[in-house]
């Protein structure tokens, strides 16, 4: 059953604002519990925690929402091609393929 868009628009602030305020409190508590002792950082207040939360969201997450597929365009849909290639290989080709990748992925100096 589709939701009414007008109802979602009016209910949105009642969910987002309390969640943001709660996450700000969590950021403040975690910062003050861990960082002053670990790296001698100064303690922060609630407003600074909210500002830090917003700054991190801008720098690292943006406000565009979640993207389902953040992979570069060239990698999208490649899994199916590799599955088909693997299915069409003979047992000997698979063994050779695995051994080749073991050689490539081996650490230097490992025999």
N, C-alpha and C. Protein backbone atom coordinates (compact mmCIF):
# COMPACT_ATOMS: atom_id res chain seq x y z
N UNK A 1 0.85 -1.18 0.00
CA UNK A 1 0.00 0.00 0.00
C UNK A 1 0.90 1.24 0.00
N UNK A 2 0.78 2.11 -1.00
CA UNK A 2 1.64 3.31 -1.06
C UNK A 2 1.28 4.30 0.04
N UNK A 3 2.32 4.94 0.55
CA UNK A 3 2.10 5.94 1.60
C UNK A 3 1.71 7.28 0.99
N UNK A 4 1.02 8.04 1.77
CA UNK A 4 0.62 9.36 1.35
C UNK A 4 1.82 10.30 1.47
N UNK A 5 2.23 10.95 0.38
CA UNK A 5 3.41 11.80 0.38
C UNK A 5 3.26 13.00 1.32
N UNK A 6 2.09 13.53 1.42
CA UNK A 6 1.88 14.67 2.32
C UNK A 6 2.10 14.26 3.77
N UNK A 7 1.64 13.08 4.14
CA UNK A 7 1.84 12.58 5.50
C UNK A 7 3.32 12.37 5.77
N UNK A 8 4.05 11.83 4.82
CA UNK A 8 5.50 11.64 4.98
C UNK A 8 6.19 12.98 5.13
N UNK A 9 5.80 13.96 4.35
CA UNK A 9 6.42 15.28 4.41
C UNK A 9 6.25 15.90 5.79
N UNK A 10 5.07 15.75 6.40
CA UNK A 10 4.83 16.34 7.71
C UNK A 10 5.40 15.50 8.85
N UNK A 11 5.51 14.20 8.68
CA UNK A 11 6.09 13.33 9.71
C UNK A 11 7.61 13.35 9.70
N UNK A 12 8.20 13.73 8.60
CA UNK A 12 9.66 13.71 8.43
C UNK A 12 10.40 14.44 9.55
N UNK A 13 10.05 15.69 9.89
CA UNK A 13 10.78 16.39 10.95
C UNK A 13 10.67 15.70 12.32
N UNK A 14 9.57 15.01 12.57
CA UNK A 14 9.39 14.36 13.86
C UNK A 14 10.28 13.14 14.03
N UNK A 15 10.80 12.61 12.94
CA UNK A 15 11.74 11.49 13.01
C UNK A 15 13.18 11.94 12.87
N UNK A 16 13.46 12.81 11.94
CA UNK A 16 14.82 13.22 11.64
C UNK A 16 15.41 14.09 12.74
N UNK A 17 14.68 15.05 13.23
CA UNK A 17 15.21 15.96 14.24
C UNK A 17 15.57 15.22 15.54
N UNK A 18 14.71 14.39 16.09
CA UNK A 18 15.11 13.67 17.31
C UNK A 18 16.28 12.70 17.07
N UNK A 19 16.31 12.06 15.92
CA UNK A 19 17.41 11.15 15.62
C UNK A 19 18.72 11.93 15.53
N UNK A 20 18.71 13.09 14.87
CA UNK A 20 19.91 13.92 14.76
C UNK A 20 20.36 14.39 16.13
N UNK A 21 19.44 14.81 16.97
CA UNK A 21 19.79 15.26 18.31
C UNK A 21 20.36 14.12 19.15
N UNK A 22 19.79 12.95 19.01
CA UNK A 22 20.29 11.78 19.74
C UNK A 22 21.69 11.39 19.27
N UNK A 23 21.90 11.39 17.96
CA UNK A 23 23.23 11.06 17.43
C UNK A 23 24.25 12.10 17.86
N UNK A 24 23.86 13.37 17.93
CA UNK A 24 24.75 14.41 18.44
C UNK A 24 25.16 14.14 19.88
N UNK A 25 24.21 13.71 20.69
CA UNK A 25 24.51 13.36 22.08
C UNK A 25 25.48 12.18 22.14
N UNK A 26 25.26 11.19 21.30
CA UNK A 26 26.14 10.02 21.26
C UNK A 26 27.55 10.43 20.84
N UNK A 27 27.66 11.30 19.83
CA UNK A 27 28.98 11.80 19.39
C UNK A 27 29.68 12.50 20.55
N UNK A 28 28.96 13.36 21.26
CA UNK A 28 29.56 14.08 22.38
C UNK A 28 30.04 13.12 23.46
N UNK A 29 29.20 12.16 23.83
CA UNK A 29 29.58 11.22 24.88
C UNK A 29 30.77 10.36 24.48
N UNK A 30 30.77 9.88 23.25
CA UNK A 30 31.90 9.06 22.79
C UNK A 30 33.18 9.88 22.71
N UNK A 31 33.09 11.09 22.17
CA UNK A 31 34.27 11.95 22.08
C UNK A 31 34.86 12.20 23.47
N UNK A 32 34.00 12.59 24.41
CA UNK A 32 34.46 12.92 25.75
C UNK A 32 34.93 11.70 26.53
N UNK A 33 34.44 10.52 26.18
CA UNK A 33 34.86 9.31 26.88
C UNK A 33 36.18 8.76 26.35
N UNK A 34 36.44 8.95 25.06
CA UNK A 34 37.60 8.29 24.45
C UNK A 34 38.75 9.24 24.16
N UNK A 35 38.49 10.31 23.45
CA UNK A 35 39.58 11.12 22.90
C UNK A 35 40.39 11.93 23.91
N UNK A 36 39.80 12.50 24.97
CA UNK A 36 40.66 13.24 25.89
C UNK A 36 41.77 12.39 26.51
N UNK A 37 41.48 11.15 26.86
CA UNK A 37 42.50 10.27 27.42
C UNK A 37 43.42 9.69 26.36
N UNK A 38 42.87 9.39 25.18
CA UNK A 38 43.67 8.73 24.15
C UNK A 38 44.65 9.67 23.47
N UNK A 39 44.19 10.84 23.05
CA UNK A 39 45.09 11.74 22.30
C UNK A 39 45.15 13.14 22.92
N UNK A 40 44.71 13.27 24.15
CA UNK A 40 44.75 14.55 24.88
C UNK A 40 43.98 15.66 24.15
N UNK A 41 42.86 15.29 23.57
CA UNK A 41 41.98 16.27 22.93
C UNK A 41 41.13 16.93 24.01
N UNK A 42 40.69 18.13 23.74
CA UNK A 42 39.83 18.80 24.73
C UNK A 42 38.41 18.24 24.66
N UNK A 43 37.70 18.39 25.73
CA UNK A 43 36.31 17.92 25.77
C UNK A 43 35.45 18.86 24.94
N UNK A 44 34.34 18.35 24.39
CA UNK A 44 33.45 19.17 23.58
C UNK A 44 32.08 19.22 24.23
N UNK A 45 31.34 20.27 23.91
CA UNK A 45 29.97 20.38 24.42
C UNK A 45 29.00 19.88 23.36
N UNK A 46 27.72 19.93 23.69
CA UNK A 46 26.70 19.37 22.80
C UNK A 46 26.63 20.10 21.45
N UNK A 47 26.72 21.43 21.47
CA UNK A 47 26.68 22.19 20.22
C UNK A 47 27.86 21.87 19.31
N UNK A 48 29.04 21.70 19.91
CA UNK A 48 30.21 21.33 19.12
C UNK A 48 30.05 19.93 18.54
N UNK A 49 29.43 19.04 19.29
CA UNK A 49 29.20 17.68 18.79
C UNK A 49 28.26 17.69 17.60
N UNK A 50 27.19 18.49 17.66
CA UNK A 50 26.28 18.60 16.52
C UNK A 50 26.99 19.22 15.32
N UNK A 51 27.82 20.24 15.56
CA UNK A 51 28.58 20.85 14.48
C UNK A 51 29.54 19.86 13.85
N UNK A 52 30.19 19.05 14.68
CA UNK A 52 31.11 18.03 14.17
C UNK A 52 30.36 16.99 13.35
N UNK A 53 29.19 16.61 13.82
CA UNK A 53 28.37 15.65 13.10
C UNK A 53 27.97 16.20 11.73
N UNK A 54 27.55 17.44 11.68
CA UNK A 54 27.15 18.05 10.41
C UNK A 54 28.36 18.21 9.49
N UNK A 55 29.50 18.62 10.05
CA UNK A 55 30.72 18.77 9.25
C UNK A 55 31.14 17.44 8.64
N UNK A 56 31.11 16.38 9.43
CA UNK A 56 31.47 15.06 8.91
C UNK A 56 30.49 14.61 7.83
N UNK A 57 29.24 14.91 8.03
CA UNK A 57 28.23 14.54 7.03
C UNK A 57 28.47 15.28 5.72
N UNK A 58 28.85 16.55 5.80
CA UNK A 58 29.14 17.32 4.59
C UNK A 58 30.39 16.79 3.91
N UNK A 59 31.45 16.56 4.68
CA UNK A 59 32.72 16.16 4.10
C UNK A 59 32.73 14.73 3.58
N UNK A 60 32.10 13.83 4.31
CA UNK A 60 32.22 12.42 3.97
C UNK A 60 30.95 11.79 3.42
N UNK A 61 29.79 12.32 3.75
CA UNK A 61 28.58 11.64 3.35
C UNK A 61 27.66 12.43 2.46
N UNK A 62 27.83 13.72 2.43
CA UNK A 62 26.97 14.65 1.70
C UNK A 62 25.53 14.52 2.18
N UNK A 63 24.65 15.27 1.59
CA UNK A 63 23.25 15.24 1.99
C UNK A 63 22.37 14.68 0.88
N UNK A 64 22.96 13.93 -0.04
CA UNK A 64 22.20 13.42 -1.17
C UNK A 64 21.45 12.14 -0.86
N UNK A 65 21.65 11.55 0.27
CA UNK A 65 21.02 10.28 0.56
C UNK A 65 21.91 9.14 0.11
N UNK A 66 21.44 7.95 0.27
CA UNK A 66 22.24 6.78 -0.07
C UNK A 66 22.13 6.47 -1.55
N UNK A 67 23.28 6.16 -2.11
CA UNK A 67 23.30 5.67 -3.48
C UNK A 67 23.42 4.15 -3.39
N UNK A 68 22.65 3.45 -4.14
CA UNK A 68 22.69 2.01 -4.05
C UNK A 68 23.96 1.42 -4.66
N UNK A 69 24.46 2.04 -5.68
CA UNK A 69 25.62 1.48 -6.36
C UNK A 69 26.66 2.57 -6.54
N UNK A 70 27.67 2.59 -5.70
CA UNK A 70 28.71 3.62 -5.77
C UNK A 70 29.93 3.15 -6.56
N UNK A 71 29.86 1.99 -7.15
CA UNK A 71 31.00 1.50 -7.91
C UNK A 71 31.14 2.32 -9.19
N UNK A 72 32.36 2.45 -9.68
CA UNK A 72 32.53 3.14 -10.95
C UNK A 72 31.76 2.44 -12.06
N UNK A 73 31.41 3.19 -13.07
CA UNK A 73 30.60 2.66 -14.18
C UNK A 73 31.23 1.42 -14.82
N UNK A 74 32.57 1.41 -14.90
CA UNK A 74 33.23 0.29 -15.58
C UNK A 74 33.07 -1.04 -14.85
N UNK A 75 32.77 -1.03 -13.54
CA UNK A 75 32.67 -2.27 -12.79
C UNK A 75 31.23 -2.77 -12.67
N UNK A 76 30.26 -1.99 -13.03
CA UNK A 76 28.88 -2.42 -12.88
C UNK A 76 28.56 -3.57 -13.82
N UNK A 77 27.95 -4.59 -13.29
CA UNK A 77 27.54 -5.72 -14.10
C UNK A 77 28.65 -6.67 -14.46
N UNK A 78 29.85 -6.50 -13.94
CA UNK A 78 30.97 -7.36 -14.30
C UNK A 78 30.87 -8.74 -13.67
N UNK A 79 30.15 -8.86 -12.57
CA UNK A 79 30.04 -10.15 -11.89
C UNK A 79 29.43 -11.21 -12.77
N UNK A 80 28.44 -10.85 -13.55
CA UNK A 80 27.78 -11.81 -14.42
C UNK A 80 28.74 -12.33 -15.49
N UNK A 81 29.55 -11.44 -16.04
CA UNK A 81 30.52 -11.86 -17.06
C UNK A 81 31.51 -12.87 -16.49
N UNK A 82 32.00 -12.61 -15.26
CA UNK A 82 32.96 -13.53 -14.64
C UNK A 82 32.30 -14.86 -14.30
N UNK A 83 31.05 -14.84 -13.87
CA UNK A 83 30.35 -16.09 -13.59
C UNK A 83 30.20 -16.94 -14.86
N UNK A 84 29.84 -16.28 -15.95
CA UNK A 84 29.70 -17.00 -17.22
C UNK A 84 31.04 -17.59 -17.66
N UNK A 85 32.09 -16.80 -17.53
CA UNK A 85 33.43 -17.28 -17.91
C UNK A 85 33.82 -18.48 -17.06
N UNK A 86 33.56 -18.41 -15.76
CA UNK A 86 33.91 -19.50 -14.86
C UNK A 86 33.10 -20.76 -15.19
N UNK A 87 31.81 -20.59 -15.50
CA UNK A 87 30.97 -21.75 -15.83
C UNK A 87 31.44 -22.44 -17.10
N UNK A 88 31.99 -21.68 -18.04
CA UNK A 88 32.41 -22.23 -19.33
C UNK A 88 33.83 -22.80 -19.31
N UNK A 89 34.53 -22.68 -18.18
CA UNK A 89 35.89 -23.22 -18.09
C UNK A 89 35.86 -24.72 -17.82
N UNK A 90 36.85 -25.40 -18.35
CA UNK A 90 37.01 -26.82 -18.01
C UNK A 90 37.70 -26.91 -16.65
N UNK A 91 37.74 -28.12 -16.08
CA UNK A 91 38.37 -28.30 -14.78
C UNK A 91 39.86 -27.93 -14.83
N UNK A 92 40.53 -28.27 -15.92
CA UNK A 92 41.95 -27.95 -16.06
C UNK A 92 42.16 -26.43 -16.12
N UNK A 93 41.28 -25.73 -16.83
CA UNK A 93 41.40 -24.28 -16.93
C UNK A 93 41.17 -23.62 -15.56
N UNK A 94 40.24 -24.17 -14.78
CA UNK A 94 39.98 -23.63 -13.45
C UNK A 94 41.19 -23.79 -12.54
N UNK A 95 41.81 -24.98 -12.57
CA UNK A 95 43.00 -25.22 -11.76
C UNK A 95 44.11 -24.26 -12.16
N UNK A 96 44.31 -24.09 -13.47
CA UNK A 96 45.34 -23.18 -13.97
C UNK A 96 45.04 -21.73 -13.54
N UNK A 97 43.78 -21.34 -13.63
CA UNK A 97 43.36 -20.00 -13.24
C UNK A 97 43.63 -19.75 -11.76
N UNK A 98 43.24 -20.72 -10.92
CA UNK A 98 43.47 -20.57 -9.47
C UNK A 98 44.95 -20.46 -9.16
N UNK A 99 45.76 -21.30 -9.78
CA UNK A 99 47.21 -21.27 -9.53
C UNK A 99 47.82 -19.94 -9.97
N UNK A 100 47.37 -19.44 -11.10
CA UNK A 100 47.88 -18.15 -11.58
C UNK A 100 47.56 -17.03 -10.59
N UNK A 101 46.33 -17.04 -10.04
CA UNK A 101 45.97 -16.00 -9.09
C UNK A 101 46.66 -16.19 -7.75
N UNK A 102 46.96 -17.41 -7.36
CA UNK A 102 47.75 -17.63 -6.15
C UNK A 102 49.13 -17.02 -6.32
N UNK A 103 49.71 -17.18 -7.51
CA UNK A 103 51.02 -16.59 -7.79
C UNK A 103 50.94 -15.06 -7.74
N UNK A 104 49.91 -14.49 -8.30
CA UNK A 104 49.77 -13.03 -8.32
C UNK A 104 49.52 -12.45 -6.94
N UNK A 105 48.78 -13.18 -6.11
CA UNK A 105 48.38 -12.65 -4.80
C UNK A 105 49.33 -13.02 -3.69
N UNK A 106 50.37 -13.74 -4.00
CA UNK A 106 51.33 -14.16 -2.99
C UNK A 106 52.13 -12.96 -2.51
N UNK A 107 52.42 -12.97 -1.19
CA UNK A 107 53.25 -11.90 -0.62
C UNK A 107 54.69 -12.07 -1.08
N UNK A 108 55.43 -10.98 -1.18
CA UNK A 108 56.84 -11.08 -1.57
C UNK A 108 57.62 -11.96 -0.59
N UNK A 109 58.44 -12.83 -1.09
CA UNK A 109 59.24 -13.70 -0.25
C UNK A 109 58.52 -14.96 0.19
N UNK A 110 57.25 -15.10 -0.15
CA UNK A 110 56.49 -16.28 0.23
C UNK A 110 56.63 -17.34 -0.86
N UNK A 111 56.90 -18.54 -0.48
CA UNK A 111 57.12 -19.62 -1.47
C UNK A 111 55.91 -20.48 -1.61
